[in-house]
Structures are given as structure tokens and as C-alpha cells.
Amino acid sequence: MRCVCVQAEKARKNAEAELSDSSSHVTEINIVMQNLTNDKHRLEGDMVMMRQQLDDAVTARRAAEERSERLGIEVAYYYYYYYFFDPGTQFPRKEKITLCNIKSTKIKLE
């Protein structure tokens, strides 16, 4: 009877040790999962921010292309006007102002 009690006590101690080990493993896994969840949320926030920055950059690029296209058309107009008409002809006042604006914009773009 005593032998059975000793064996039962050893079995109980082994079960308690396994329970303690399992409990510590579960705690470690929970910590790792929490860290991974936090990293996931941080990365998702970073992705949203990067998407917004990309959208802003694409919008700015389109606006710059449109502005460049308009300036190219105006430059072509003035090139045609200057070289196919009498070079001594004076530009009308509005065209002089526009030509000055084109030159200043060109300098800013460079």
C-alpha cells in the first residue's frame, strides 16, 4: 500500500512539473503572439501611410505632366509665332506677359 502511495505521489509531482512547463510554454507563446499582432498592426498602419504618399506622388506627377504639356503647347505657339511672322513684329501685351510667365516657369522647373 505504501509503495502505491509513493508511486502516486511521484506521478502527481511529475504531472505538476509538466503542468508548470506547459503553462510557461503557453505564456511564452502568448507573448510572441501579442508581439506579432502589434507588429502586424504597425505594418498595416505603415502600408496605409505609404499608399497615401504614393497616391499623393502620382497626383503630383499627373499635375506636373499636365502643366508641362500646357507649357509645351504655349512654347510651340510662341515659336511658331516668332519664326513664321516678322521677327520685328511686337507681341501684343498679353502675349508678352504670357511669354515672361513661361520663361519664369521654365527657370523654376529647371
PDB file of N, CA and C in Angstrom:
ATOM      1  N   MET A   1       0.820  -1.174   0.000  1.00  0.00           N
ATOM      2  CA  MET A   1       0.000   0.000   0.000  1.00  0.00           C
ATOM      3  C   MET A   1       0.878   1.258   0.000  1.00  0.00           C
ATOM      4  N   ARG A   2       1.926   1.199   0.796  1.00  0.00           N
ATOM      5  CA  ARG A   2       2.837   2.323   0.871  1.00  0.00           C
ATOM      6  C   ARG A   2       3.505   2.541  -0.476  1.00  0.00           C
ATOM      7  N   CYS A   3       3.869   1.510  -1.138  1.00  0.00           N
ATOM      8  CA  CYS A   3       4.525   1.579  -2.455  1.00  0.00           C
ATOM      9  C   CYS A   3       3.596   2.269  -3.460  1.00  0.00           C
ATOM     10  N   VAL A   4       2.314   1.963  -3.379  1.00  0.00           N
ATOM     11  CA  VAL A   4       1.340   2.556  -4.288  1.00  0.00           C
ATOM     12  C   VAL A   4       1.218   4.053  -3.987  1.00  0.00           C
ATOM     13  N   CYS A   5       1.247   4.422  -2.713  1.00  0.00           N
ATOM     14  CA  CYS A   5       1.160   5.830  -2.338  1.00  0.00           C
ATOM     15  C   CYS A   5       2.376   6.599  -2.823  1.00  0.00           C
ATOM     16  N   VAL A   6       3.559   6.005  -2.702  1.00  0.00           N
ATOM     17  CA  VAL A   6       4.789   6.649  -3.167  1.00  0.00           C
ATOM     18  C   VAL A   6       4.729   6.838  -4.672  1.00  0.00           C
ATOM     19  N   GLN A   7       4.286   5.833  -5.388  1.00  0.00           N
ATOM     20  CA  GLN A   7       4.178   5.943  -6.850  1.00  0.00           C
ATOM     21  C   GLN A   7       3.157   7.021  -7.240  1.00  0.00           C
ATOM     22  N   ALA A   8       2.074   7.070  -6.523  1.00  0.00           N
ATOM     23  CA  ALA A   8       1.046   8.076  -6.811  1.00  0.00           C
ATOM     24  C   ALA A   8       1.590   9.479  -6.544  1.00  0.00           C
ATOM     25  N   GLU A   9       2.376   9.634  -5.466  1.00  0.00           N
ATOM     26  CA  GLU A   9       2.984  10.930  -5.152  1.00  0.00           C
ATOM     27  C   GLU A   9       3.962  11.344  -6.243  1.00  0.00           C
ATOM     28  N   LYS A  10       4.795  10.419  -6.730  1.00  0.00           N
ATOM     29  CA  LYS A  10       5.747  10.708  -7.818  1.00  0.00           C
ATOM     30  C   LYS A  10       4.986  11.089  -9.090  1.00  0.00           C
ATOM     31  N   ALA A  11       3.922  10.380  -9.370  1.00  0.00           N
ATOM     32  CA  ALA A  11       3.125  10.679 -10.558  1.00  0.00           C
ATOM     33  C   ALA A  11       2.506  12.076 -10.451  1.00  0.00           C
ATOM     34  N   ARG A  12       2.027  12.413  -9.239  1.00  0.00           N
ATOM     35  CA  ARG A  12       1.449  13.743  -9.024  1.00  0.00           C
ATOM     36  C   ARG A  12       2.492  14.834  -9.225  1.00  0.00           C
ATOM     37  N   LYS A  13       3.705  14.636  -8.681  1.00  0.00           N
ATOM     38  CA  LYS A  13       4.782  15.618  -8.827  1.00  0.00           C
ATOM     39  C   LYS A  13       5.186  15.765 -10.299  1.00  0.00           C
ATOM     40  N   ASN A  14       5.261  14.638 -11.035  1.00  0.00           N
ATOM     41  CA  ASN A  14       5.581  14.698 -12.473  1.00  0.00           C
ATOM     42  C   ASN A  14       4.497  15.453 -13.246  1.00  0.00           C
ATOM     43  N   ALA A  15       3.240  15.211 -12.876  1.00  0.00           N
ATOM     44  CA  ALA A  15       2.133  15.897 -13.550  1.00  0.00           C
ATOM     45  C   ALA A  15       2.184  17.397 -13.258  1.00  0.00           C
ATOM     46  N   GLU A  16       2.497  17.759 -11.999  1.00  0.00           N
ATOM     47  CA  GLU A  16       2.612  19.174 -11.647  1.00  0.00           C
ATOM     48  C   GLU A  16       3.769  19.833 -12.400  1.00  0.00           C
ATOM     49  N   ALA A  17       4.901  19.121 -12.537  1.00  0.00           N
ATOM     50  CA  ALA A  17       6.048  19.652 -13.274  1.00  0.00           C
ATOM     51  C   ALA A  17       5.688  19.858 -14.743  1.00  0.00           C
ATOM     52  N   GLU A  18       4.992  18.886 -15.343  1.00  0.00           N
ATOM     53  CA  GLU A  18       4.568  19.014 -16.745  1.00  0.00           C
ATOM     54  C   GLU A  18       3.579  20.169 -16.905  1.00  0.00           C
ATOM     55  N   LEU A  19       2.688  20.318 -15.932  1.00  0.00           N
ATOM     56  CA  LEU A  19       1.725  21.415 -15.970  1.00  0.00           C
ATOM     57  C   LEU A  19       2.441  22.758 -15.891  1.00  0.00           C
ATOM     58  N   SER A  20       3.432  22.841 -15.035  1.00  0.00           N
ATOM     59  CA  SER A  20       4.205  24.081 -14.907  1.00  0.00           C
ATOM     60  C   SER A  20       4.940  24.394 -16.206  1.00  0.00           C
ATOM     61  N   ASP A  21       5.589  23.369 -16.790  1.00  0.00           N
ATOM     62  CA  ASP A  21       6.287  23.565 -18.074  1.00  0.00           C
ATOM     63  C   ASP A  21       5.300  23.987 -19.167  1.00  0.00           C
ATOM     64  N   SER A  22       4.170  23.323 -19.230  1.00  0.00           N
ATOM     65  CA  SER A  22       3.168  23.644 -20.254  1.00  0.00           C
ATOM     66  C   SER A  22       2.647  25.061 -20.052  1.00  0.00           C
ATOM     67  N   SER A  23       2.440  25.432 -18.818  1.00  0.00           N
ATOM     68  CA  SER A  23       1.946  26.774 -18.514  1.00  0.00           C
ATOM     69  C   SER A  23       2.961  27.834 -18.949  1.00  0.00           C
ATOM     70  N   SER A  24       4.257  27.586 -18.687  1.00  0.00           N
ATOM     71  CA  SER A  24       5.275  28.550 -19.105  1.00  0.00           C
ATOM     72  C   SER A  24       5.368  28.619 -20.634  1.00  0.00           C
ATOM     73  N   HIS A  25       5.215  27.484 -21.311  1.00  0.00           N
ATOM     74  CA  HIS A  25       5.222  27.489 -22.783  1.00  0.00           C
ATOM     75  C   HIS A  25       4.036  28.280 -23.338  1.00  0.00           C
ATOM     76  N   VAL A  26       2.872  28.097 -22.732  1.00  0.00           N
ATOM     77  CA  VAL A  26       1.681  28.835 -23.173  1.00  0.00           C
ATOM     78  C   VAL A  26       1.892  30.332 -22.971  1.00  0.00           C
ATOM     79  N   THR A  27       2.492  30.715 -21.847  1.00  0.00           N
ATOM     80  CA  THR A  27       2.761  32.123 -21.578  1.00  0.00           C
ATOM     81  C   THR A  27       3.721  32.694 -22.621  1.00  0.00           C
ATOM     82  N   GLU A  28       4.783  31.952 -22.935  1.00  0.00           N
ATOM     83  CA  GLU A  28       5.739  32.402 -23.958  1.00  0.00           C
ATOM     84  C   GLU A  28       5.062  32.552 -25.313  1.00  0.00           C
ATOM     85  N   ILE A  29       4.228  31.597 -25.676  1.00  0.00           N
ATOM     86  CA  ILE A  29       3.526  31.649 -26.962  1.00  0.00           C
ATOM     87  C   ILE A  29       2.577  32.848 -26.998  1.00  0.00           C
ATOM     88  N   ASN A  30       1.901  33.116 -25.881  1.00  0.00           N
ATOM     89  CA  ASN A  30       1.005  34.281 -25.825  1.00  0.00           C
ATOM     90  C   ASN A  30       1.778  35.575 -26.002  1.00  0.00           C
ATOM     91  N   ILE A  31       2.954  35.678 -25.404  1.00  0.00           N
ATOM     92  CA  ILE A  31       3.786  36.877 -25.553  1.00  0.00           C
ATOM     93  C   ILE A  31       4.212  37.052 -27.004  1.00  0.00           C
ATOM     94  N   VAL A  32       4.651  35.953 -27.625  1.00  0.00           N
ATOM     95  CA  VAL A  32       5.072  36.011 -29.033  1.00  0.00           C
ATOM     96  C   VAL A  32       3.899  36.418 -29.921  1.00  0.00           C
ATOM     97  N   MET A  33       2.728  35.845 -29.671  1.00  0.00           N
ATOM     98  CA  MET A  33       1.539  36.185 -30.468  1.00  0.00           C
ATOM     99  C   MET A  33       1.162  37.659 -30.295  1.00  0.00           C
ATOM    100  N   GLN A  34       1.258  38.180 -29.082  1.00  0.00           N
ATOM    101  CA  GLN A  34       0.949  39.586 -28.844  1.00  0.00           C
ATOM    102  C   GLN A  34       1.930  40.487 -29.590  1.00  0.00           C
ATOM    103  N   ASN A  35       3.211  40.121 -29.549  1.00  0.00           N
ATOM    104  CA  ASN A  35       4.217  40.907 -30.279  1.00  0.00           C
ATOM    105  C   ASN A  35       3.952  40.873 -31.780  1.00  0.00           C
ATOM    106  N   LEU A  36       3.609  39.700 -32.291  1.00  0.00           N
ATOM    107  CA  LEU A  36       3.314  39.585 -33.726  1.00  0.00           C
ATOM    108  C   LEU A  36       2.074  40.397 -34.096  1.00  0.00           C
ATOM    109  N   THR A  37       1.074  40.379 -33.251  1.00  0.00           N
ATOM    110  CA  THR A  37      -0.142  41.156 -33.512  1.00  0.00           C
ATOM    111  C   THR A  37       0.169  42.655 -33.526  1.00  0.00           C
ATOM    112  N   ASN A  38       0.986  43.092 -32.568  1.00  0.00           N
ATOM    113  CA  ASN A  38       1.374  44.510 -32.536  1.00  0.00           C
ATOM    114  C   ASN A  38       2.165  44.892 -33.785  1.00  0.00           C
ATOM    115  N   ASP A  39       3.090  44.022 -34.197  1.00  0.00           N
ATOM    116  CA  ASP A  39       3.866  44.285 -35.415  1.00  0.00           C
ATOM    117  C   ASP A  39       2.964  44.337 -36.638  1.00  0.00           C
ATOM    118  N   LYS A  40       1.986  43.455 -36.694  1.00  0.00           N
ATOM    119  CA  LYS A  40       1.047  43.431 -37.822  1.00  0.00           C
ATOM    120  C   LYS A  40       0.279  44.749 -37.897  1.00  0.00           C
ATOM    121  N   HIS A  41      -0.230  45.216 -36.758  1.00  0.00           N
ATOM    122  CA  HIS A  41      -0.977  46.484 -36.753  1.00  0.00           C
ATOM    123  C   HIS A  41      -0.080  47.650 -37.156  1.00  0.00           C
ATOM    124  N   ARG A  42       1.145  47.647 -36.676  1.00  0.00           N
ATOM    125  CA  ARG A  42       2.081  48.725 -37.033  1.00  0.00           C
ATOM    126  C   ARG A  42       2.362  48.713 -38.530  1.00  0.00           C
ATOM    127  N   LEU A  43       2.598  47.516 -39.087  1.00  0.00           N
ATOM    128  CA  LEU A  43       2.880  47.411 -40.521  1.00  0.00           C
ATOM    129  C   LEU A  43       1.670  47.799 -41.367  1.00  0.00           C
ATOM    130  N   GLU A  44       0.475  47.442 -40.911  1.00  0.00           N
ATOM    131  CA  GLU A  44      -0.724  47.844 -41.647  1.00  0.00           C
ATOM    132  C   GLU A  44      -0.857  49.359 -41.667  1.00  0.00           C
ATOM    133  N   GLY A  45      -0.557  49.998 -40.544  1.00  0.00           N
ATOM    134  CA  GLY A  45      -0.586  51.467 -40.497  1.00  0.00           C
ATOM    135  C   GLY A  45       0.451  52.070 -41.418  1.00  0.00           C
ATOM    136  N   ASP A  46       1.641  51.465 -41.449  1.00  0.00           N
ATOM    137  CA  ASP A  46       2.691  51.947 -42.351  1.00  0.00           C
ATOM    138  C   ASP A  46       2.269  51.798 -43.809  1.00  0.00           C
ATOM    139  N   MET A  47       1.602  50.689 -44.124  1.00  0.00           N
ATOM    140  CA  MET A  47       1.152  50.479 -45.506  1.00  0.00           C
ATOM    141  C   MET A  47       0.110  51.512 -45.916  1.00  0.00           C
ATOM    142  N   VAL A  48      -0.802  51.842 -45.006  1.00  0.00           N
ATOM    143  CA  VAL A  48      -1.820  52.859 -45.307  1.00  0.00           C
ATOM    144  C   VAL A  48      -1.140  54.195 -45.575  1.00  0.00           C
ATOM    145  N   MET A  49      -0.151  54.529 -44.733  1.00  0.00           N
ATOM    146  CA  MET A  49       0.561  55.789 -44.904  1.00  0.00           C
ATOM    147  C   MET A  49       1.331  55.800 -46.234  1.00  0.00           C
ATOM    148  N   MET A  50       1.977  54.684 -46.570  1.00  0.00           N
ATOM    149  CA  MET A  50       2.732  54.624 -47.828  1.00  0.00           C
ATOM    150  C   MET A  50       1.804  54.693 -49.031  1.00  0.00           C
ATOM    151  N   ARG A  51       0.619  54.058 -48.943  1.00  0.00           N
ATOM    152  CA  ARG A  51      -0.343  54.157 -50.043  1.00  0.00           C
ATOM    153  C   ARG A  51      -0.770  55.597 -50.254  1.00  0.00           C
ATOM    154  N   GLN A  52      -1.010  56.308 -49.154  1.00  0.00           N
ATOM    155  CA  GLN A  52      -1.408  57.714 -49.259  1.00  0.00           C
ATOM    156  C   GLN A  52      -0.298  58.546 -49.887  1.00  0.00           C
ATOM    157  N   GLN A  53       0.940  58.292 -49.463  1.00  0.00           N
ATOM    158  CA  GLN A  53       2.072  59.019 -50.045  1.00  0.00           C
ATOM    159  C   GLN A  53       2.218  58.699 -51.527  1.00  0.00           C
ATOM    160  N   LEU A  54       1.997  57.435 -51.892  1.00  0.00           N
ATOM    161  CA  LEU A  54       2.072  57.051 -53.303  1.00  0.00           C
ATOM    162  C   LEU A  54       0.978  57.747 -54.100  1.00  0.00           C
ATOM    163  N   ASP A  55      -0.232  57.772 -53.560  1.00  0.00           N
ATOM    164  CA  ASP A  55      -1.335  58.465 -54.241  1.00  0.00           C
ATOM    165  C   ASP A  55      -1.022  59.946 -54.416  1.00  0.00           C
ATOM    166  N   ASP A  56      -0.459  60.561 -53.378  1.00  0.00           N
ATOM    167  CA  ASP A  56      -0.082  61.978 -53.473  1.00  0.00           C
ATOM    168  C   ASP A  56       0.986  62.190 -54.534  1.00  0.00           C
ATOM    169  N   ALA A  57       1.970  61.284 -54.594  1.00  0.00           N
ATOM    170  CA  ALA A  57       3.046  61.411 -55.579  1.00  0.00           C
ATOM    171  C   ALA A  57       2.509  61.236 -56.996  1.00  0.00           C
ATOM    172  N   VAL A  58       1.602  60.286 -57.181  1.00  0.00           N
ATOM    173  CA  VAL A  58       1.005  60.070 -58.510  1.00  0.00           C
ATOM    174  C   VAL A  58       0.195  61.287 -58.929  1.00  0.00           C
ATOM    175  N   THR A  59      -0.559  61.854 -58.001  1.00  0.00           N
ATOM    176  CA  THR A  59      -1.351  63.054 -58.302  1.00  0.00           C
ATOM    177  C   THR A  59      -0.438  64.223 -58.673  1.00  0.00           C
ATOM    178  N   ALA A  60       0.648  64.381 -57.924  1.00  0.00           N
ATOM    179  CA  ALA A  60       1.592  65.467 -58.219  1.00  0.00           C
ATOM    180  C   ALA A  60       2.253  65.256 -59.576  1.00  0.00           C
ATOM    181  N   ARG A  61       2.582  63.997 -59.900  1.00  0.00           N
ATOM    182  CA  ARG A  61       3.204  63.701 -61.193  1.00  0.00           C
ATOM    183  C   ARG A  61       2.236  64.034 -62.330  1.00  0.00           C
ATOM    184  N   ARG A  62       0.973  63.649 -62.174  1.00  0.00           N
ATOM    185  CA  ARG A  62      -0.015  63.954 -63.219  1.00  0.00           C
ATOM    186  C   ARG A  62      -0.173  65.462 -63.403  1.00  0.00           C
ATOM    187  N   ALA A  63      -0.219  66.169 -62.288  1.00  0.00           N
ATOM    188  CA  ALA A  63      -0.354  67.629 -62.370  1.00  0.00           C
ATOM    189  C   ALA A  63       0.861  68.237 -63.064  1.00  0.00           C
ATOM    190  N   ALA A  64       2.057  67.731 -62.755  1.00  0.00           N
ATOM    191  CA  ALA A  64       3.274  68.238 -63.388  1.00  0.00           C
ATOM    192  C   ALA A  64       3.275  67.927 -64.880  1.00  0.00           C
ATOM    193  N   GLU A  65       2.807  66.726 -65.248  1.00  0.00           N
ATOM    194  CA  GLU A  65       2.738  66.378 -66.671  1.00  0.00           C
ATOM    195  C   GLU A  65       1.762  67.284 -67.409  1.00  0.00           C
ATOM    196  N   GLU A  66       0.604  67.537 -66.794  1.00  0.00           N
ATOM    197  CA  GLU A  66      -0.372  68.421 -67.432  1.00  0.00           C
ATOM    198  C   GLU A  66       0.183  69.833 -67.580  1.00  0.00           C
ATOM    199  N   ARG A  67       0.841  70.323 -66.535  1.00  0.00           N
ATOM    200  CA  ARG A  67       1.448  71.651 -66.585  1.00  0.00           C
ATOM    201  C   ARG A  67       2.524  71.701 -67.665  1.00  0.00           C
ATOM    202  N   SER A  68       3.332  70.646 -67.738  1.00  0.00           N
ATOM    203  CA  SER A  68       4.389  70.582 -68.749  1.00  0.00           C
ATOM    204  C   SER A  68       3.800  70.558 -70.157  1.00  0.00           C
ATOM    205  N   GLU A  69       2.722  69.807 -70.327  1.00  0.00           N
ATOM    206  CA  GLU A  69       2.075  69.732 -71.644  1.00  0.00           C
ATOM    207  C   GLU A  69       1.537  71.096 -72.056  1.00  0.00           C
ATOM    208  N   ARG A  70       0.884  71.783 -71.115  1.00  0.00           N
ATOM    209  CA  ARG A  70       0.361  73.124 -71.425  1.00  0.00           C
ATOM    210  C   ARG A  70       1.485  74.088 -71.785  1.00  0.00           C
ATOM    211  N   LEU A  71       2.580  74.019 -71.034  1.00  0.00           N
ATOM    212  CA  LEU A  71       3.712  74.903 -71.332  1.00  0.00           C
ATOM    213  C   LEU A  71       4.332  74.565 -72.680  1.00  0.00           C
ATOM    214  N   GLY A  72       4.388  73.270 -72.982  1.00  0.00           N
ATOM    215  CA  GLY A  72       4.921  72.865 -74.282  1.00  0.00           C
ATOM    216  C   GLY A  72       4.090  73.413 -75.425  1.00  0.00           C
ATOM    217  N   ILE A  73       2.780  73.395 -75.260  1.00  0.00           N
ATOM    218  CA  ILE A  73       1.894  73.939 -76.295  1.00  0.00           C
ATOM    219  C   ILE A  73       2.106  75.440 -76.436  1.00  0.00           C
ATOM    220  N   GLU A  74       2.214  76.129 -75.307  1.00  0.00           N
ATOM    221  CA  GLU A  74       2.436  77.572 -75.373  1.00  0.00           C
ATOM    222  C   GLU A  74       3.785  77.898 -76.000  1.00  0.00           C
ATOM    223  N   VAL A  75       4.811  77.143 -75.670  1.00  0.00           N
ATOM    224  CA  VAL A  75       6.130  77.377 -76.257  1.00  0.00           C
ATOM    225  C   VAL A  75       6.080  77.133 -77.767  1.00  0.00           C
ATOM    226  N   ALA A  76       5.392  76.082 -78.183  1.00  0.00           N
ATOM    227  CA  ALA A  76       5.263  75.804 -79.616  1.00  0.00           C
ATOM    228  C   ALA A  76       4.527  76.944 -80.312  1.00  0.00           C
ATOM    229  N   TYR A  77       3.498  77.463 -79.652  1.00  0.00           N
ATOM    230  CA  TYR A  77       2.762  78.577 -80.230  1.00  0.00           C
ATOM    231  C   TYR A  77       3.675  79.780 -80.424  1.00  0.00           C
ATOM    232  N   TYR A  78       4.426  80.123 -79.386  1.00  0.00           N
ATOM    233  CA  TYR A  78       5.297  81.287 -79.499  1.00  0.00           C
ATOM    234  C   TYR A  78       6.449  81.038 -80.460  1.00  0.00           C
ATOM    235  N   TYR A  79       6.938  79.832 -80.538  1.00  0.00           N
ATOM    236  CA  TYR A  79       7.979  79.509 -81.508  1.00  0.00           C
ATOM    237  C   TYR A  79       7.447  79.727 -82.921  1.00  0.00           C
ATOM    238  N   TYR A  80       6.260  79.195 -83.168  1.00  0.00           N
ATOM    239  CA  TYR A  80       5.631  79.355 -84.479  1.00  0.00           C
ATOM    240  C   TYR A  80       5.395  80.837 -84.764  1.00  0.00           C
ATOM    241  N   TYR A  81       4.855  81.558 -83.815  1.00  0.00           N
ATOM    242  CA  TYR A  81       4.541  82.966 -83.990  1.00  0.00           C
ATOM    243  C   TYR A  81       5.805  83.763 -84.274  1.00  0.00           C
ATOM    244  N   TYR A  82       6.874  83.486 -83.541  1.00  0.00           N
ATOM    245  CA  TYR A  82       8.112  84.262 -83.667  1.00  0.00           C
ATOM    246  C   TYR A  82       8.831  83.971 -84.981  1.00  0.00           C
ATOM    247  N   TYR A  83       8.911  82.692 -85.348  1.00  0.00           N
ATOM    248  CA  TYR A  83       9.710  82.333 -86.521  1.00  0.00           C
ATOM    249  C   TYR A  83       8.959  82.413 -87.843  1.00  0.00           C
ATOM    250  N   PHE A  84       7.648  82.360 -87.840  1.00  0.00           N
ATOM    251  CA  PHE A  84       6.922  82.394 -89.100  1.00  0.00           C
ATOM    252  C   PHE A  84       6.306  83.742 -89.411  1.00  0.00           C
ATOM    253  N   PHE A  85       6.396  84.650 -88.460  1.00  0.00           N
ATOM    254  CA  PHE A  85       5.978  86.004 -88.719  1.00  0.00           C
ATOM    255  C   PHE A  85       7.208  86.889 -88.660  1.00  0.00           C
ATOM    256  N   ASP A  86       7.044  88.116 -88.972  1.00  0.00           N
ATOM    257  CA  ASP A  86       8.156  89.058 -88.978  1.00  0.00           C
ATOM    258  C   ASP A  86       8.759  89.160 -87.574  1.00  0.00           C
ATOM    259  N   PRO A  87      10.064  88.820 -87.425  1.00  0.00           N
ATOM    260  CA  PRO A  87      10.678  88.880 -86.093  1.00  0.00           C
ATOM    261  C   PRO A  87      10.642  90.273 -85.486  1.00  0.00           C
ATOM    262  N   GLY A  88      10.542  91.277 -86.298  1.00  0.00           N
ATOM    263  CA  GLY A  88      10.496  92.626 -85.771  1.00  0.00           C
ATOM    264  C   GLY A  88       9.127  92.999 -85.226  1.00  0.00           C
ATOM    265  N   THR A  89       8.127  92.151 -85.487  1.00  0.00           N
ATOM    266  CA  THR A  89       6.777  92.433 -85.024  1.00  0.00           C
ATOM    267  C   THR A  89       6.721  92.345 -83.499  1.00  0.00           C
ATOM    268  N   GLN A  90       6.033  93.286 -82.940  1.00  0.00           N
ATOM    269  CA  GLN A  90       5.901  93.284 -81.486  1.00  0.00           C
ATOM    270  C   GLN A  90       4.765  92.344 -81.067  1.00  0.00           C
ATOM    271  N   PHE A  91       5.021  91.578 -80.027  1.00  0.00           N
ATOM    272  CA  PHE A  91       3.945  90.746 -79.468  1.00  0.00           C
ATOM    273  C   PHE A  91       2.908  91.655 -78.837  1.00  0.00           C
ATOM    274  N   PRO A  92       1.660  91.298 -78.948  1.00  0.00           N
ATOM    275  CA  PRO A  92       0.656  92.038 -78.183  1.00  0.00           C
ATOM    276  C   PRO A  92       0.970  91.935 -76.682  1.00  0.00           C
ATOM    277  N   ARG A  93       0.467  92.861 -75.909  1.00  0.00           N
ATOM    278  CA  ARG A  93       0.798  92.954 -74.477  1.00  0.00           C
ATOM    279  C   ARG A  93       0.509  91.648 -73.740  1.00  0.00           C
ATOM    280  N   LYS A  94      -0.635  91.048 -73.959  1.00  0.00           N
ATOM    281  CA  LYS A  94      -0.999  89.805 -73.267  1.00  0.00           C
ATOM    282  C   LYS A  94       0.007  88.706 -73.577  1.00  0.00           C
ATOM    283  N   GLU A  95       0.423  88.597 -74.818  1.00  0.00           N
ATOM    284  CA  GLU A  95       1.370  87.558 -75.203  1.00  0.00           C
ATOM    285  C   GLU A  95       2.747  87.814 -74.608  1.00  0.00           C
ATOM    286  N   LYS A  96       3.124  89.094 -74.466  1.00  0.00           N
ATOM    287  CA  LYS A  96       4.401  89.418 -73.817  1.00  0.00           C
ATOM    288  C   LYS A  96       4.380  88.936 -72.368  1.00  0.00           C
ATOM    289  N   ILE A  97       3.290  89.199 -71.695  1.00  0.00           N
ATOM    290  CA  ILE A  97       3.169  88.788 -70.293  1.00  0.00           C
ATOM    291  C   ILE A  97       3.204  87.266 -70.196  1.00  0.00           C
ATOM    292  N   THR A  98       2.489  86.588 -71.077  1.00  0.00           N
ATOM    293  CA  THR A  98       2.474  85.129 -71.070  1.00  0.00           C
ATOM    294  C   THR A  98       3.860  84.580 -71.358  1.00  0.00           C
ATOM    295  N   LEU A  99       4.578  85.186 -72.298  1.00  0.00           N
ATOM    296  CA  LEU A  99       5.925  84.741 -72.622  1.00  0.00           C
ATOM    297  C   LEU A  99       6.850  84.910 -71.422  1.00  0.00           C
ATOM    298  N   CYS A 100       6.706  86.003 -70.700  1.00  0.00           N
ATOM    299  CA  CYS A 100       7.506  86.214 -69.477  1.00  0.00           C
ATOM    300  C   CYS A 100       7.165  85.158 -68.433  1.00  0.00           C
ATOM    301  N   ASN A 101       5.884  84.835 -68.322  1.00  0.00           N
ATOM    302  CA  ASN A 101       5.465  83.797 -67.364  1.00  0.00           C
ATOM    303  C   ASN A 101       6.043  82.447 -67.742  1.00  0.00           C
ATOM    304  N   ILE A 102       6.066  82.155 -69.036  1.00  0.00           N
ATOM    305  CA  ILE A 102       6.632  80.882 -69.490  1.00  0.00           C
ATOM    306  C   ILE A 102       8.111  80.823 -69.159  1.00  0.00           C
ATOM    307  N   LYS A 103       8.814  81.911 -69.416  1.00  0.00           N
ATOM    308  CA  LYS A 103      10.242  81.921 -69.114  1.00  0.00           C
ATOM    309  C   LYS A 103      10.508  81.740 -67.628  1.00  0.00           C
ATOM    310  N   SER A 104       9.730  82.422 -66.785  1.00  0.00           N
ATOM    311  CA  SER A 104       9.952  82.289 -65.342  1.00  0.00           C
ATOM    312  C   SER A 104       9.576  80.889 -64.864  1.00  0.00           C
ATOM    313  N   THR A 105       8.531  80.302 -65.422  1.00  0.00           N
ATOM    314  CA  THR A 105       8.139  78.944 -65.062  1.00  0.00           C
ATOM    315  C   THR A 105       9.212  77.954 -65.498  1.00  0.00           C
ATOM    316  N   LYS A 106       9.762  78.167 -66.682  1.00  0.00           N
ATOM    317  CA  LYS A 106      10.828  77.302 -67.177  1.00  0.00           C
ATOM    318  C   LYS A 106      12.038  77.361 -66.251  1.00  0.00           C
ATOM    319  N   ILE A 107      12.370  78.544 -65.807  1.00  0.00           N
ATOM    320  CA  ILE A 107      13.508  78.693 -64.890  1.00  0.00           C
ATOM    321  C   ILE A 107      13.213  77.990 -63.570  1.00  0.00           C
ATOM    322  N   LYS A 108      11.977  78.095 -63.077  1.00  0.00           N
ATOM    323  CA  LYS A 108      11.620  77.424 -61.819  1.00  0.00           C
ATOM    324  C   LYS A 108      11.674  75.910 -61.986  1.00  0.00           C
ATOM    325  N   LEU A 109      11.218  75.397 -63.129  1.00  0.00           N
ATOM    326  CA  LEU A 109      11.227  73.952 -63.354  1.00  0.00           C
ATOM    327  C   LEU A 109      12.637  73.402 -63.465  1.00  0.00           C
ATOM    328  N   GLU A 110      13.567  74.220 -63.979  1.00  0.00           N
ATOM    329  CA  GLU A 110      14.953  73.770 -64.085  1.00  0.00           C
ATOM    330  C   GLU A 110      15.564  73.735 -62.707  1.00  0.00           C
TER     331      GLU A 110
END
